Amino acid sequence: MSGNLHVRNLEDELIIRLKRRAAQHGRSAEAEHREILRQALSAEVEPAFAELAAKLRHLTKARKHTPSEELMREGRGER
């Protein structure tokens, strides 16, 4: 899946530096922008599902939880 990203309100100096860097690498400014994003985001580690679930449990531990079977029963009654 491909998408488009439009970046607005960049400082002129930043655009000049991007174009200069692109030229040094033999790429268009758009290709250089893609490569910068790819490198920056590839360094980030995606958290595992178990880690995200543990964080959610921690954030919601003080809340009252309704058992799913109750919710399903209520949902059937509303039809």
N, C-alpha and C. Protein backbone atom coordinates (compact mmCIF):
# COMPACT_ATOMS: atom_id res chain seq x y z
N MET A 1 0.85 -1.18 0.00
CA MET A 1 0.00 0.00 0.00
C MET A 1 0.89 1.24 0.00
N SER A 2 0.61 2.14 -0.88
CA SER A 2 1.36 3.39 -0.96
C SER A 2 0.44 4.55 -0.60
N GLY A 3 1.03 5.56 -0.03
CA GLY A 3 0.26 6.74 0.33
C GLY A 3 1.05 7.98 0.02
N ASN A 4 0.42 9.09 0.21
CA ASN A 4 1.06 10.38 0.00
C ASN A 4 1.13 11.12 1.31
N LEU A 5 2.18 11.90 1.44
CA LEU A 5 2.37 12.71 2.63
C LEU A 5 2.77 14.10 2.16
N HIS A 6 2.04 15.09 2.58
CA HIS A 6 2.34 16.47 2.22
C HIS A 6 2.81 17.19 3.48
N VAL A 7 3.97 17.79 3.40
CA VAL A 7 4.52 18.51 4.54
C VAL A 7 4.47 19.99 4.23
N ARG A 8 3.79 20.73 5.06
CA ARG A 8 3.61 22.16 4.83
C ARG A 8 4.40 22.96 5.86
N ASN A 9 4.58 24.22 5.55
CA ASN A 9 5.18 25.19 6.48
C ASN A 9 6.60 24.83 6.90
N LEU A 10 7.40 24.36 5.98
CA LEU A 10 8.80 24.10 6.26
C LEU A 10 9.60 25.38 6.07
N GLU A 11 10.60 25.56 6.90
CA GLU A 11 11.47 26.73 6.76
C GLU A 11 12.26 26.60 5.46
N ASP A 12 12.50 27.73 4.81
CA ASP A 12 13.25 27.73 3.55
C ASP A 12 14.62 27.07 3.72
N GLU A 13 15.29 27.34 4.84
CA GLU A 13 16.61 26.77 5.07
C GLU A 13 16.55 25.24 5.12
N LEU A 14 15.50 24.70 5.69
CA LEU A 14 15.35 23.25 5.77
C LEU A 14 15.17 22.65 4.37
N ILE A 15 14.40 23.32 3.55
CA ILE A 15 14.19 22.85 2.17
C ILE A 15 15.50 22.90 1.39
N ILE A 16 16.26 23.95 1.57
CA ILE A 16 17.56 24.07 0.90
C ILE A 16 18.48 22.93 1.32
N ARG A 17 18.51 22.65 2.63
CA ARG A 17 19.37 21.57 3.14
C ARG A 17 18.92 20.20 2.62
N LEU A 18 17.61 19.99 2.53
CA LEU A 18 17.08 18.74 1.99
C LEU A 18 17.50 18.57 0.53
N LYS A 19 17.35 19.62 -0.25
CA LYS A 19 17.72 19.55 -1.67
C LYS A 19 19.23 19.34 -1.84
N ARG A 20 20.02 19.97 -0.99
CA ARG A 20 21.48 19.79 -1.05
C ARG A 20 21.85 18.35 -0.71
N ARG A 21 21.25 17.83 0.33
CA ARG A 21 21.51 16.44 0.73
C ARG A 21 21.06 15.47 -0.36
N ALA A 22 19.92 15.74 -0.97
CA ALA A 22 19.42 14.89 -2.06
C ALA A 22 20.40 14.88 -3.22
N ALA A 23 20.91 16.04 -3.57
CA ALA A 23 21.87 16.13 -4.67
C ALA A 23 23.14 15.35 -4.35
N GLN A 24 23.59 15.41 -3.11
CA GLN A 24 24.79 14.67 -2.71
C GLN A 24 24.60 13.16 -2.85
N HIS A 25 23.36 12.72 -2.66
CA HIS A 25 23.06 11.29 -2.75
C HIS A 25 22.52 10.90 -4.12
N GLY A 26 22.44 11.85 -5.03
CA GLY A 26 21.96 11.56 -6.38
C GLY A 26 20.48 11.21 -6.43
N ARG A 27 19.70 11.83 -5.56
CA ARG A 27 18.26 11.56 -5.50
C ARG A 27 17.49 12.85 -5.63
N SER A 28 16.21 12.71 -5.90
CA SER A 28 15.31 13.86 -5.87
C SER A 28 15.06 14.23 -4.41
N ALA A 29 14.56 15.42 -4.18
CA ALA A 29 14.24 15.84 -2.81
C ALA A 29 13.17 14.92 -2.22
N GLU A 30 12.23 14.50 -3.04
CA GLU A 30 11.18 13.61 -2.57
C GLU A 30 11.75 12.25 -2.16
N ALA A 31 12.65 11.70 -2.98
CA ALA A 31 13.27 10.42 -2.66
C ALA A 31 14.13 10.54 -1.40
N GLU A 32 14.80 11.66 -1.24
CA GLU A 32 15.62 11.89 -0.05
C GLU A 32 14.74 11.98 1.19
N HIS A 33 13.61 12.64 1.05
CA HIS A 33 12.65 12.77 2.15
C HIS A 33 12.17 11.38 2.57
N ARG A 34 11.83 10.54 1.59
CA ARG A 34 11.40 9.16 1.89
C ARG A 34 12.49 8.40 2.64
N GLU A 35 13.73 8.54 2.18
CA GLU A 35 14.84 7.82 2.80
C GLU A 35 15.08 8.30 4.24
N ILE A 36 14.99 9.59 4.46
CA ILE A 36 15.15 10.13 5.82
C ILE A 36 14.07 9.56 6.74
N LEU A 37 12.83 9.56 6.28
CA LEU A 37 11.74 9.00 7.08
C LEU A 37 11.94 7.52 7.34
N ARG A 38 12.33 6.78 6.29
CA ARG A 38 12.56 5.34 6.42
C ARG A 38 13.63 5.06 7.48
N GLN A 39 14.75 5.79 7.41
CA GLN A 39 15.83 5.58 8.37
C GLN A 39 15.41 5.95 9.79
N ALA A 40 14.73 7.07 9.92
CA ALA A 40 14.32 7.54 11.25
C ALA A 40 13.34 6.56 11.90
N LEU A 41 12.41 6.06 11.11
CA LEU A 41 11.38 5.20 11.68
C LEU A 41 11.82 3.75 11.81
N SER A 42 12.79 3.33 11.04
CA SER A 42 13.26 1.95 11.16
C SER A 42 14.03 1.74 12.47
N ALA A 43 14.52 2.80 13.06
CA ALA A 43 15.25 2.71 14.32
C ALA A 43 14.30 2.50 15.50
N GLU A 44 13.03 2.81 15.32
CA GLU A 44 12.06 2.65 16.40
C GLU A 44 11.62 1.19 16.49
N VAL A 45 11.52 0.69 17.69
CA VAL A 45 11.10 -0.68 17.92
C VAL A 45 9.61 -0.68 18.23
N GLU A 46 8.87 -1.48 17.48
CA GLU A 46 7.44 -1.61 17.72
C GLU A 46 7.24 -2.48 18.97
N PRO A 47 6.43 -2.02 19.92
CA PRO A 47 6.22 -2.82 21.12
C PRO A 47 5.45 -4.11 20.79
N ALA A 48 5.75 -5.17 21.51
CA ALA A 48 5.05 -6.44 21.33
C ALA A 48 3.63 -6.32 21.87
N PHE A 49 2.75 -7.16 21.34
CA PHE A 49 1.36 -7.14 21.78
C PHE A 49 1.27 -7.34 23.29
N ALA A 50 2.05 -8.26 23.83
CA ALA A 50 2.00 -8.55 25.27
C ALA A 50 2.37 -7.31 26.08
N GLU A 51 3.32 -6.55 25.59
CA GLU A 51 3.72 -5.32 26.29
C GLU A 51 2.59 -4.29 26.26
N LEU A 52 1.96 -4.13 25.10
CA LEU A 52 0.84 -3.18 24.99
C LEU A 52 -0.33 -3.62 25.88
N ALA A 53 -0.61 -4.92 25.90
CA ALA A 53 -1.70 -5.44 26.73
C ALA A 53 -1.42 -5.19 28.20
N ALA A 54 -0.17 -5.39 28.62
CA ALA A 54 0.21 -5.15 30.02
C ALA A 54 0.02 -3.68 30.39
N LYS A 55 0.40 -2.79 29.48
CA LYS A 55 0.22 -1.35 29.73
C LYS A 55 -1.26 -1.01 29.86
N LEU A 56 -2.08 -1.59 29.00
CA LEU A 56 -3.52 -1.33 29.05
C LEU A 56 -4.12 -1.85 30.36
N ARG A 57 -3.71 -3.05 30.77
CA ARG A 57 -4.19 -3.59 32.05
C ARG A 57 -3.80 -2.67 33.20
N HIS A 58 -2.57 -2.17 33.17
CA HIS A 58 -2.10 -1.28 34.21
C HIS A 58 -2.92 0.02 34.23
N LEU A 59 -3.20 0.57 33.05
CA LEU A 59 -3.95 1.83 32.98
C LEU A 59 -5.40 1.68 33.41
N THR A 60 -5.96 0.48 33.25
CA THR A 60 -7.38 0.29 33.55
C THR A 60 -7.64 -0.55 34.80
N LYS A 61 -6.61 -0.82 35.59
CA LYS A 61 -6.78 -1.73 36.74
C LYS A 61 -7.75 -1.18 37.79
N ALA A 62 -7.88 0.13 37.92
CA ALA A 62 -8.77 0.70 38.94
C ALA A 62 -10.21 0.85 38.44
N ARG A 63 -10.44 0.59 37.18
CA ARG A 63 -11.80 0.75 36.63
C ARG A 63 -12.64 -0.50 36.87
N LYS A 64 -13.94 -0.28 36.95
CA LYS A 64 -14.87 -1.40 37.08
C LYS A 64 -15.00 -2.04 35.70
N HIS A 65 -14.89 -3.37 35.66
CA HIS A 65 -14.99 -4.09 34.40
C HIS A 65 -16.26 -4.93 34.40
N THR A 66 -17.00 -4.85 33.31
CA THR A 66 -18.20 -5.66 33.15
C THR A 66 -17.82 -6.92 32.39
N PRO A 67 -18.20 -8.09 32.90
CA PRO A 67 -17.88 -9.34 32.20
C PRO A 67 -18.49 -9.34 30.79
N SER A 68 -17.75 -9.89 29.85
CA SER A 68 -18.19 -9.86 28.45
C SER A 68 -19.54 -10.56 28.25
N GLU A 69 -19.80 -11.63 29.03
CA GLU A 69 -21.08 -12.33 28.85
C GLU A 69 -22.26 -11.43 29.23
N GLU A 70 -22.05 -10.54 30.20
CA GLU A 70 -23.11 -9.58 30.56
C GLU A 70 -23.35 -8.60 29.43
N LEU A 71 -22.28 -8.10 28.87
CA LEU A 71 -22.39 -7.16 27.76
C LEU A 71 -23.08 -7.80 26.56
N MET A 72 -22.73 -9.06 26.29
CA MET A 72 -23.37 -9.76 25.17
C MET A 72 -24.85 -9.97 25.44
N ARG A 73 -25.20 -10.33 26.67
CA ARG A 73 -26.60 -10.53 27.04
C ARG A 73 -27.38 -9.23 26.85
N GLU A 74 -26.81 -8.13 27.30
CA GLU A 74 -27.46 -6.83 27.16
C GLU A 74 -27.63 -6.47 25.68
N GLY A 75 -26.61 -6.76 24.90
CA GLY A 75 -26.68 -6.47 23.47
C GLY A 75 -27.77 -7.26 22.78
N ARG A 76 -27.96 -8.50 23.16
CA ARG A 76 -29.02 -9.33 22.57
C ARG A 76 -30.39 -8.78 22.93
N GLY A 77 -30.52 -8.26 24.15
CA GLY A 77 -31.80 -7.73 24.60
C GLY A 77 -32.19 -6.44 23.88
N GLU A 78 -31.24 -5.74 23.29
CA GLU A 78 -31.53 -4.49 22.61
C GLU A 78 -31.99 -4.68 21.18
N ARG A 79 -31.86 -5.89 20.67
CA ARG A 79 -32.24 -6.13 19.26
C ARG A 79 -33.71 -6.18 19.06
